[in-house]
Amino acid sequence: MDVGGVELPQTFVTMKPNRKSIRDKSWDYSGGGVYFITIRVRHFGIPLSSIVDKEVELSDTGEVIHSIWKLLPEQFAHVEIDSSVIMPDHLHGILTLKRYDSPSHATNGGVCGGSNPMLENGLSRVIRWFKGRGTFEVRKVDSAFTWQSRFFERRIRNQKGLTAAREYIRQNPIRWSQ
């Protein structure tokens, strides 16, 4: 295969990253649901916040991330933000994705063909937009800023789970101090 005038060996072309998805393969992430999300920064340089007297105080970087997080419902009409907290090196949030049946604006999946998850209006697309936009804006003040490549999600299945996730978010700054 020729890439930019450089001939790549076939073994290089056919190699795939050795990453296993942590997503539940039996769940349709574009079909709606409530999710507890954790997104971590890759390198702990400029913190997103400080914990002072068990309260979160956002840094300038954290303020930018907070403003992008709050844009999610404007960018994605099917997304609602429940609770969230921005900690020094990570963000926790609860997102509700309503069922969204209208097709996305994209018509093909690039190198992935029709199996590209970014063609769906599901959780991965929402988080990818958030991380991309957040990175773009934060790098105006911190050029080294990066997120970890993945994110953690847990599907919230009932009111008990939602209450527990909200309490975890509320208690996170208190536990950080201990």
N, C-alpha and C. Protein backbone atom coordinates (compact mmCIF):
# COMPACT_ATOMS: atom_id res chain seq x y z
N MET A 1 0.85 -1.18 0.00
CA MET A 1 0.00 0.00 0.00
C MET A 1 0.90 1.24 0.00
N ASP A 2 0.56 2.21 -0.83
CA ASP A 2 1.32 3.45 -0.95
C ASP A 2 0.59 4.54 -0.16
N VAL A 3 1.27 5.11 0.82
CA VAL A 3 0.70 6.19 1.63
C VAL A 3 1.63 7.39 1.53
N GLY A 4 1.19 8.43 0.85
CA GLY A 4 2.01 9.64 0.71
C GLY A 4 3.35 9.38 0.09
N GLY A 5 3.40 8.47 -0.89
CA GLY A 5 4.65 8.18 -1.57
C GLY A 5 5.53 7.17 -0.85
N VAL A 6 5.06 6.64 0.29
CA VAL A 6 5.82 5.65 1.04
C VAL A 6 5.11 4.31 0.94
N GLU A 7 5.84 3.30 0.53
CA GLU A 7 5.27 1.97 0.42
C GLU A 7 5.30 1.29 1.79
N LEU A 8 4.11 0.94 2.30
CA LEU A 8 4.02 0.29 3.60
C LEU A 8 3.94 -1.21 3.42
N PRO A 9 4.65 -1.97 4.26
CA PRO A 9 4.53 -3.43 4.17
C PRO A 9 3.11 -3.88 4.48
N GLN A 10 2.67 -4.95 3.84
CA GLN A 10 1.31 -5.44 4.02
C GLN A 10 1.01 -5.77 5.49
N THR A 11 2.00 -6.27 6.23
CA THR A 11 1.75 -6.58 7.65
C THR A 11 1.41 -5.33 8.44
N PHE A 12 2.01 -4.19 8.07
CA PHE A 12 1.71 -2.93 8.75
C PHE A 12 0.29 -2.49 8.43
N VAL A 13 -0.12 -2.66 7.19
CA VAL A 13 -1.44 -2.23 6.75
C VAL A 13 -2.53 -3.06 7.42
N THR A 14 -2.31 -4.35 7.61
CA THR A 14 -3.35 -5.22 8.15
C THR A 14 -3.35 -5.30 9.67
N MET A 15 -2.30 -4.77 10.31
CA MET A 15 -2.27 -4.80 11.77
C MET A 15 -3.37 -3.94 12.34
N LYS A 16 -4.00 -4.41 13.37
CA LYS A 16 -5.03 -3.64 14.06
C LYS A 16 -4.58 -3.43 15.48
N PRO A 17 -4.95 -2.29 16.07
CA PRO A 17 -4.57 -2.08 17.47
C PRO A 17 -5.12 -3.19 18.35
N ASN A 18 -4.35 -3.56 19.36
CA ASN A 18 -4.76 -4.63 20.26
C ASN A 18 -5.56 -4.03 21.42
N ARG A 19 -6.70 -3.42 21.09
CA ARG A 19 -7.56 -2.82 22.10
C ARG A 19 -8.87 -3.58 22.14
N LYS A 20 -9.29 -3.91 23.33
CA LYS A 20 -10.58 -4.56 23.49
C LYS A 20 -11.57 -3.53 23.98
N SER A 21 -12.74 -3.53 23.37
CA SER A 21 -13.76 -2.58 23.77
C SER A 21 -14.27 -2.92 25.17
N ILE A 22 -14.49 -1.88 25.96
CA ILE A 22 -15.05 -2.09 27.29
C ILE A 22 -16.56 -1.87 27.27
N ARG A 23 -17.13 -1.58 26.12
CA ARG A 23 -18.56 -1.37 25.99
C ARG A 23 -19.31 -2.71 25.99
N ASP A 24 -20.53 -2.68 26.47
CA ASP A 24 -21.39 -3.86 26.49
C ASP A 24 -21.89 -4.11 25.07
N LYS A 25 -21.42 -5.18 24.45
CA LYS A 25 -21.76 -5.45 23.06
C LYS A 25 -23.25 -5.77 22.87
N SER A 26 -23.94 -6.13 23.93
CA SER A 26 -25.37 -6.46 23.81
C SER A 26 -26.26 -5.23 23.97
N TRP A 27 -25.68 -4.07 24.25
CA TRP A 27 -26.48 -2.86 24.50
C TRP A 27 -26.37 -1.90 23.33
N ASP A 28 -27.50 -1.32 22.92
CA ASP A 28 -27.53 -0.32 21.86
C ASP A 28 -27.38 1.06 22.48
N TYR A 29 -26.18 1.62 22.41
CA TYR A 29 -25.88 2.91 23.02
C TYR A 29 -26.55 4.08 22.30
N SER A 30 -27.13 3.83 21.14
CA SER A 30 -27.84 4.90 20.44
C SER A 30 -29.33 4.89 20.76
N GLY A 31 -29.78 3.90 21.52
CA GLY A 31 -31.20 3.73 21.77
C GLY A 31 -31.72 4.40 23.03
N GLY A 32 -30.95 5.25 23.63
CA GLY A 32 -31.37 5.92 24.86
C GLY A 32 -30.85 5.21 26.09
N GLY A 33 -30.87 5.92 27.20
CA GLY A 33 -30.41 5.35 28.46
C GLY A 33 -29.83 6.43 29.36
N VAL A 34 -29.53 6.03 30.59
CA VAL A 34 -28.92 6.93 31.56
C VAL A 34 -27.56 6.33 31.90
N TYR A 35 -26.52 7.16 31.88
CA TYR A 35 -25.15 6.68 32.02
C TYR A 35 -24.38 7.50 33.05
N PHE A 36 -23.60 6.79 33.88
CA PHE A 36 -22.62 7.42 34.76
C PHE A 36 -21.31 7.40 34.00
N ILE A 37 -20.73 8.57 33.79
CA ILE A 37 -19.54 8.72 32.94
C ILE A 37 -18.36 9.18 33.79
N THR A 38 -17.18 8.64 33.48
CA THR A 38 -15.93 9.15 34.03
C THR A 38 -14.97 9.37 32.88
N ILE A 39 -14.41 10.58 32.80
CA ILE A 39 -13.42 10.92 31.78
C ILE A 39 -12.20 11.46 32.52
N ARG A 40 -11.04 10.89 32.22
CA ARG A 40 -9.81 11.28 32.94
C ARG A 40 -8.85 12.01 32.00
N VAL A 41 -8.08 12.94 32.57
CA VAL A 41 -7.01 13.57 31.80
C VAL A 41 -5.85 12.59 31.72
N ARG A 42 -5.08 12.69 30.65
CA ARG A 42 -3.98 11.74 30.46
C ARG A 42 -2.80 12.07 31.35
N HIS A 43 -2.36 13.29 31.31
CA HIS A 43 -1.21 13.71 32.11
C HIS A 43 -1.69 14.77 33.08
N PHE A 44 -1.40 14.54 34.32
CA PHE A 44 -1.89 15.45 35.35
C PHE A 44 -0.95 16.65 35.42
N GLY A 45 -1.17 17.61 34.51
CA GLY A 45 -0.38 18.84 34.49
C GLY A 45 -1.13 19.92 35.24
N ILE A 46 -1.79 20.78 34.49
CA ILE A 46 -2.61 21.82 35.10
C ILE A 46 -3.92 21.15 35.54
N PRO A 47 -4.22 21.18 36.83
CA PRO A 47 -5.44 20.50 37.29
C PRO A 47 -6.71 21.20 36.78
N LEU A 48 -7.76 20.42 36.64
CA LEU A 48 -9.06 20.97 36.24
C LEU A 48 -9.70 21.72 37.40
N SER A 49 -9.34 21.33 38.62
CA SER A 49 -9.91 21.97 39.81
C SER A 49 -8.99 21.74 41.00
N SER A 50 -9.35 22.37 42.09
CA SER A 50 -8.73 22.12 43.39
C SER A 50 -9.85 21.78 44.35
N ILE A 51 -9.53 21.01 45.35
CA ILE A 51 -10.50 20.71 46.40
C ILE A 51 -10.06 21.49 47.64
N VAL A 52 -10.87 22.47 48.02
CA VAL A 52 -10.57 23.34 49.15
C VAL A 52 -11.73 23.25 50.13
N ASP A 53 -11.43 22.82 51.35
CA ASP A 53 -12.47 22.63 52.37
C ASP A 53 -13.62 21.76 51.84
N LYS A 54 -13.23 20.70 51.15
CA LYS A 54 -14.17 19.70 50.61
C LYS A 54 -15.10 20.25 49.53
N GLU A 55 -14.72 21.38 48.95
CA GLU A 55 -15.49 22.00 47.87
C GLU A 55 -14.61 22.10 46.63
N VAL A 56 -15.24 22.00 45.45
CA VAL A 56 -14.53 22.10 44.18
C VAL A 56 -14.36 23.56 43.80
N GLU A 57 -13.13 23.93 43.47
CA GLU A 57 -12.84 25.25 42.91
C GLU A 57 -12.20 25.02 41.55
N LEU A 58 -12.91 25.39 40.49
CA LEU A 58 -12.43 25.15 39.13
C LEU A 58 -11.25 26.05 38.80
N SER A 59 -10.27 25.46 38.12
CA SER A 59 -9.17 26.24 37.55
C SER A 59 -9.67 26.86 36.24
N ASP A 60 -8.83 27.66 35.59
CA ASP A 60 -9.23 28.21 34.29
C ASP A 60 -9.51 27.08 33.31
N THR A 61 -8.67 26.04 33.34
CA THR A 61 -8.89 24.87 32.49
C THR A 61 -10.21 24.20 32.83
N GLY A 62 -10.47 24.03 34.10
CA GLY A 62 -11.72 23.43 34.54
C GLY A 62 -12.94 24.25 34.13
N GLU A 63 -12.81 25.57 34.16
CA GLU A 63 -13.91 26.44 33.71
C GLU A 63 -14.22 26.20 32.23
N VAL A 64 -13.17 26.04 31.43
CA VAL A 64 -13.37 25.76 30.01
C VAL A 64 -14.09 24.43 29.84
N ILE A 65 -13.60 23.40 30.54
CA ILE A 65 -14.22 22.07 30.44
C ILE A 65 -15.67 22.13 30.91
N HIS A 66 -15.94 22.83 31.98
CA HIS A 66 -17.30 22.97 32.49
C HIS A 66 -18.21 23.63 31.44
N SER A 67 -17.71 24.67 30.79
CA SER A 67 -18.53 25.36 29.79
C SER A 67 -18.83 24.46 28.59
N ILE A 68 -17.87 23.63 28.19
CA ILE A 68 -18.09 22.70 27.08
C ILE A 68 -19.08 21.61 27.50
N TRP A 69 -18.93 21.11 28.73
CA TRP A 69 -19.85 20.09 29.25
C TRP A 69 -21.29 20.61 29.21
N LYS A 70 -21.47 21.87 29.61
CA LYS A 70 -22.81 22.47 29.64
C LYS A 70 -23.39 22.66 28.24
N LEU A 71 -22.54 22.62 27.20
CA LEU A 71 -23.01 22.75 25.82
C LEU A 71 -23.60 21.47 25.25
N LEU A 72 -23.39 20.35 25.94
CA LEU A 72 -23.86 19.07 25.39
C LEU A 72 -25.33 19.08 24.97
N PRO A 73 -26.27 19.58 25.81
CA PRO A 73 -27.67 19.58 25.37
C PRO A 73 -27.95 20.48 24.17
N GLU A 74 -27.13 21.51 23.97
CA GLU A 74 -27.30 22.35 22.79
C GLU A 74 -26.76 21.66 21.55
N GLN A 75 -25.66 20.96 21.70
CA GLN A 75 -25.05 20.26 20.57
C GLN A 75 -25.83 19.01 20.20
N PHE A 76 -26.39 18.35 21.21
CA PHE A 76 -27.12 17.10 21.01
C PHE A 76 -28.48 17.23 21.69
N ALA A 77 -29.51 17.46 20.91
CA ALA A 77 -30.85 17.72 21.46
C ALA A 77 -31.38 16.54 22.27
N HIS A 78 -30.84 15.36 22.07
CA HIS A 78 -31.32 14.16 22.77
C HIS A 78 -30.55 13.89 24.07
N VAL A 79 -29.69 14.83 24.49
CA VAL A 79 -28.87 14.63 25.69
C VAL A 79 -29.31 15.58 26.79
N GLU A 80 -29.41 15.04 28.00
CA GLU A 80 -29.68 15.85 29.20
C GLU A 80 -28.57 15.57 30.21
N ILE A 81 -28.13 16.61 30.90
CA ILE A 81 -27.13 16.47 31.96
C ILE A 81 -27.87 16.42 33.28
N ASP A 82 -27.55 15.44 34.09
CA ASP A 82 -28.14 15.32 35.42
C ASP A 82 -27.18 15.95 36.41
N SER A 83 -26.31 15.19 37.00
CA SER A 83 -25.31 15.67 37.97
C SER A 83 -23.93 15.56 37.35
N SER A 84 -23.01 16.38 37.85
CA SER A 84 -21.62 16.26 37.40
C SER A 84 -20.71 16.94 38.40
N VAL A 85 -19.44 16.55 38.36
CA VAL A 85 -18.42 17.19 39.18
C VAL A 85 -17.11 17.12 38.40
N ILE A 86 -16.37 18.21 38.45
CA ILE A 86 -15.06 18.26 37.80
C ILE A 86 -14.01 18.22 38.90
N MET A 87 -13.32 17.11 38.97
CA MET A 87 -12.27 16.89 39.96
C MET A 87 -10.92 17.33 39.37
N PRO A 88 -9.85 17.33 40.16
CA PRO A 88 -8.56 17.79 39.63
C PRO A 88 -8.08 17.07 38.37
N ASP A 89 -8.31 15.76 38.29
CA ASP A 89 -7.81 15.01 37.13
C ASP A 89 -8.89 14.20 36.40
N HIS A 90 -10.14 14.43 36.70
CA HIS A 90 -11.21 13.70 36.00
C HIS A 90 -12.55 14.40 36.16
N LEU A 91 -13.48 13.95 35.37
CA LEU A 91 -14.85 14.46 35.42
C LEU A 91 -15.78 13.27 35.61
N HIS A 92 -16.76 13.41 36.48
CA HIS A 92 -17.85 12.45 36.61
C HIS A 92 -19.12 13.15 36.17
N GLY A 93 -19.98 12.46 35.48
CA GLY A 93 -21.25 13.04 35.10
C GLY A 93 -22.28 11.97 34.85
N ILE A 94 -23.53 12.38 34.96
CA ILE A 94 -24.65 11.51 34.61
C ILE A 94 -25.32 12.14 33.41
N LEU A 95 -25.37 11.37 32.33
CA LEU A 95 -26.02 11.83 31.10
C LEU A 95 -27.21 10.95 30.79
N THR A 96 -28.29 11.58 30.38
CA THR A 96 -29.45 10.86 29.87
C THR A 96 -29.50 11.08 28.37
N LEU A 97 -29.52 9.99 27.62
CA LEU A 97 -29.69 10.05 26.18
C LEU A 97 -31.10 9.56 25.87
N LYS A 98 -31.90 10.45 25.32
CA LYS A 98 -33.25 10.06 24.91
C LYS A 98 -33.15 9.33 23.59
N ARG A 99 -34.11 8.48 23.34
CA ARG A 99 -34.12 7.76 22.06
C ARG A 99 -34.14 8.79 20.94
N TYR A 100 -33.26 8.61 19.97
CA TYR A 100 -33.10 9.58 18.90
C TYR A 100 -33.11 8.82 17.58
N ASP A 101 -34.24 8.83 16.89
CA ASP A 101 -34.40 8.00 15.71
C ASP A 101 -34.02 8.66 14.40
N SER A 102 -33.86 9.97 14.40
CA SER A 102 -33.54 10.59 13.12
C SER A 102 -32.09 10.29 12.76
N PRO A 103 -31.82 10.09 11.48
CA PRO A 103 -30.46 9.73 11.07
C PRO A 103 -29.50 10.88 11.27
N SER A 104 -28.24 10.52 11.46
CA SER A 104 -27.22 11.56 11.59
C SER A 104 -26.98 12.18 10.22
N HIS A 105 -26.27 13.29 10.20
CA HIS A 105 -26.03 13.99 8.95
C HIS A 105 -25.00 13.29 8.06
N ALA A 106 -24.18 12.42 8.62
CA ALA A 106 -23.16 11.73 7.83
C ALA A 106 -23.79 10.58 7.05
N THR A 107 -23.21 10.29 5.89
CA THR A 107 -23.78 9.23 5.06
C THR A 107 -22.86 8.03 4.91
N ASN A 108 -21.60 8.15 5.27
CA ASN A 108 -20.73 6.98 5.21
C ASN A 108 -19.79 6.99 6.39
N GLY A 109 -19.14 5.89 6.59
CA GLY A 109 -18.30 5.76 7.78
C GLY A 109 -16.83 5.85 7.51
N GLY A 110 -16.43 6.50 6.41
CA GLY A 110 -15.01 6.61 6.12
C GLY A 110 -14.37 5.23 6.00
N VAL A 111 -13.23 5.02 6.65
CA VAL A 111 -12.55 3.73 6.55
C VAL A 111 -13.32 2.62 7.24
N CYS A 112 -14.26 2.98 8.12
CA CYS A 112 -15.05 1.97 8.84
C CYS A 112 -16.29 1.55 8.07
N GLY A 113 -16.60 2.26 6.99
CA GLY A 113 -17.82 1.96 6.27
C GLY A 113 -19.03 2.28 7.11
N GLY A 114 -20.10 1.54 6.92
CA GLY A 114 -21.33 1.79 7.65
C GLY A 114 -21.29 1.41 9.11
N SER A 115 -20.20 0.76 9.58
CA SER A 115 -20.13 0.34 10.98
C SER A 115 -19.48 1.38 11.87
N ASN A 116 -19.25 2.57 11.36
CA ASN A 116 -18.61 3.62 12.14
C ASN A 116 -19.56 4.09 13.24
N PRO A 117 -19.17 3.96 14.53
CA PRO A 117 -20.05 4.38 15.61
C PRO A 117 -20.32 5.87 15.63
N MET A 118 -19.49 6.65 14.95
CA MET A 118 -19.70 8.09 14.93
C MET A 118 -20.86 8.48 14.02
N LEU A 119 -21.41 7.52 13.26
CA LEU A 119 -22.60 7.81 12.46
C LEU A 119 -23.86 7.76 13.32
N GLU A 120 -23.75 7.17 14.48
CA GLU A 120 -24.89 7.06 15.38
C GLU A 120 -24.91 8.25 16.33
N ASN A 121 -26.06 8.54 16.88
CA ASN A 121 -26.16 9.63 17.86
C ASN A 121 -26.08 9.08 19.27
N GLY A 122 -25.22 8.11 19.47
CA GLY A 122 -25.10 7.45 20.75
C GLY A 122 -24.06 8.08 21.66
N LEU A 123 -23.80 7.39 22.74
CA LEU A 123 -22.92 7.88 23.79
C LEU A 123 -21.50 8.17 23.29
N SER A 124 -20.94 7.29 22.48
CA SER A 124 -19.57 7.49 22.01
C SER A 124 -19.44 8.78 21.20
N ARG A 125 -20.40 9.07 20.39
CA ARG A 125 -20.35 10.30 19.60
C ARG A 125 -20.42 11.53 20.50
N VAL A 126 -21.27 11.49 21.51
CA VAL A 126 -21.40 12.61 22.44
C VAL A 126 -20.08 12.84 23.17
N ILE A 127 -19.48 11.77 23.69
CA ILE A 127 -18.23 11.90 24.44
C ILE A 127 -17.09 12.31 23.51
N ARG A 128 -17.08 11.78 22.30
CA ARG A 128 -16.02 12.17 21.36
C ARG A 128 -16.10 13.67 21.06
N TRP A 129 -17.32 14.18 20.85
CA TRP A 129 -17.47 15.61 20.59
C TRP A 129 -16.98 16.41 21.81
N PHE A 130 -17.42 16.01 23.00
CA PHE A 130 -17.03 16.72 24.22
C PHE A 130 -15.52 16.75 24.38
N LYS A 131 -14.88 15.60 24.25
CA LYS A 131 -13.44 15.54 24.44
C LYS A 131 -12.70 16.33 23.36
N GLY A 132 -13.17 16.23 22.13
CA GLY A 132 -12.52 16.96 21.04
C GLY A 132 -12.66 18.47 21.19
N ARG A 133 -13.87 18.92 21.46
CA ARG A 133 -14.10 20.36 21.63
C ARG A 133 -13.38 20.88 22.87
N GLY A 134 -13.44 20.10 23.96
CA GLY A 134 -12.75 20.50 25.18
C GLY A 134 -11.25 20.61 24.97
N THR A 135 -10.67 19.64 24.29
CA THR A 135 -9.23 19.67 24.01
C THR A 135 -8.88 20.89 23.17
N PHE A 136 -9.65 21.14 22.13
CA PHE A 136 -9.40 22.29 21.26
C PHE A 136 -9.39 23.59 22.06
N GLU A 137 -10.39 23.77 22.91
CA GLU A 137 -10.50 25.02 23.68
C GLU A 137 -9.43 25.11 24.77
N VAL A 138 -9.17 24.03 25.49
CA VAL A 138 -8.19 24.06 26.58
C VAL A 138 -6.78 24.28 26.04
N ARG A 139 -6.49 23.74 24.88
CA ARG A 139 -5.13 23.89 24.34
C ARG A 139 -4.80 25.34 23.99
N LYS A 140 -5.77 26.20 24.02
CA LYS A 140 -5.49 27.63 23.84
C LYS A 140 -4.74 28.19 25.06
N VAL A 141 -4.91 27.53 26.22
CA VAL A 141 -4.21 27.97 27.44
C VAL A 141 -3.22 26.93 27.96
N ASP A 142 -3.36 25.67 27.55
CA ASP A 142 -2.47 24.60 27.99
C ASP A 142 -2.24 23.67 26.81
N SER A 143 -1.18 23.90 26.06
CA SER A 143 -0.94 23.17 24.81
C SER A 143 -0.68 21.68 25.03
N ALA A 144 -0.36 21.28 26.24
CA ALA A 144 -0.05 19.87 26.51
C ALA A 144 -1.28 19.07 26.97
N PHE A 145 -2.44 19.70 27.06
CA PHE A 145 -3.62 19.03 27.60
C PHE A 145 -4.07 17.88 26.70
N THR A 146 -4.33 16.72 27.32
CA THR A 146 -4.92 15.58 26.62
C THR A 146 -5.78 14.78 27.58
N TRP A 147 -6.80 14.16 27.03
CA TRP A 147 -7.63 13.22 27.77
C TRP A 147 -7.04 11.83 27.61
N GLN A 148 -7.37 10.93 28.53
CA GLN A 148 -7.09 9.52 28.27
C GLN A 148 -7.92 9.12 27.07
N SER A 149 -7.46 8.13 26.32
CA SER A 149 -8.10 7.81 25.06
C SER A 149 -9.51 7.24 25.21
N ARG A 150 -9.81 6.65 26.32
CA ARG A 150 -11.13 6.05 26.50
C ARG A 150 -11.90 6.79 27.58
N PHE A 151 -13.07 6.29 27.87
CA PHE A 151 -13.86 6.82 28.98
C PHE A 151 -14.58 5.64 29.62
N PHE A 152 -14.95 5.81 30.86
CA PHE A 152 -15.68 4.77 31.58
C PHE A 152 -17.15 5.14 31.59
N GLU A 153 -18.00 4.17 31.38
CA GLU A 153 -19.43 4.40 31.52
C GLU A 153 -20.05 3.22 32.24
N ARG A 154 -21.07 3.53 33.01
CA ARG A 154 -21.88 2.49 33.63
C ARG A 154 -23.33 2.86 33.37
N ARG A 155 -24.05 1.92 32.81
CA ARG A 155 -25.46 2.14 32.53
C ARG A 155 -26.22 2.14 33.85
N ILE A 156 -27.04 3.16 34.04
CA ILE A 156 -27.87 3.24 35.24
C ILE A 156 -29.22 2.65 34.89
N ARG A 157 -29.62 1.61 35.60
CA ARG A 157 -30.79 0.83 35.21
C ARG A 157 -32.06 1.14 35.98
N ASN A 158 -31.92 1.82 37.15
CA ASN A 158 -33.12 2.07 37.96
C ASN A 158 -32.88 3.27 38.88
N GLN A 159 -33.91 3.63 39.63
CA GLN A 159 -33.83 4.80 40.51
C GLN A 159 -32.78 4.61 41.60
N LYS A 160 -32.65 3.40 42.11
CA LYS A 160 -31.65 3.13 43.14
C LYS A 160 -30.23 3.39 42.59
N GLY A 161 -29.98 2.96 41.37
CA GLY A 161 -28.69 3.21 40.74
C GLY A 161 -28.45 4.68 40.48
N LEU A 162 -29.49 5.40 40.08
CA LEU A 162 -29.38 6.84 39.83
C LEU A 162 -29.08 7.58 41.12
N THR A 163 -29.78 7.21 42.18
CA THR A 163 -29.55 7.85 43.49
C THR A 163 -28.11 7.59 43.95
N ALA A 164 -27.63 6.37 43.79
CA ALA A 164 -26.26 6.02 44.20
C ALA A 164 -25.23 6.80 43.38
N ALA A 165 -25.45 6.94 42.08
CA ALA A 165 -24.51 7.68 41.24
C ALA A 165 -24.49 9.16 41.62
N ARG A 166 -25.66 9.73 41.87
CA ARG A 166 -25.72 11.14 42.29
C ARG A 166 -24.98 11.34 43.61
N GLU A 167 -25.16 10.41 44.53
CA GLU A 167 -24.49 10.51 45.84
C GLU A 167 -22.97 10.37 45.68
N TYR A 168 -22.54 9.48 44.80
CA TYR A 168 -21.11 9.31 44.54
C TYR A 168 -20.51 10.63 44.04
N ILE A 169 -21.21 11.27 43.10
CA ILE A 169 -20.74 12.55 42.56
C ILE A 169 -20.71 13.61 43.65
N ARG A 170 -21.74 13.66 44.46
CA ARG A 170 -21.81 14.65 45.54
C ARG A 170 -20.69 14.44 46.56
N GLN A 171 -20.38 13.19 46.86
CA GLN A 171 -19.38 12.87 47.87
C GLN A 171 -17.94 12.88 47.34
N ASN A 172 -17.75 12.90 46.04
CA ASN A 172 -16.41 12.78 45.47
C ASN A 172 -15.43 13.83 45.99
N PRO A 173 -15.79 15.10 46.05
CA PRO A 173 -14.84 16.09 46.61
C PRO A 173 -14.52 15.84 48.09
N ILE A 174 -15.47 15.34 48.84
CA ILE A 174 -15.24 15.05 50.26
C ILE A 174 -14.26 13.89 50.39
N ARG A 175 -14.46 12.84 49.60
CA ARG A 175 -13.56 11.68 49.65
C ARG A 175 -12.16 12.05 49.14
N TRP A 176 -12.08 12.95 48.19
CA TRP A 176 -10.78 13.38 47.63
C TRP A 176 -9.90 13.96 48.73
N SER A 177 -10.51 14.66 49.64
CA SER A 177 -9.78 15.34 50.72
C SER A 177 -9.26 14.37 51.77
N GLN A 178 -9.78 13.18 51.82
CA GLN A 178 -9.42 12.24 52.90
C GLN A 178 -8.19 11.45 52.56
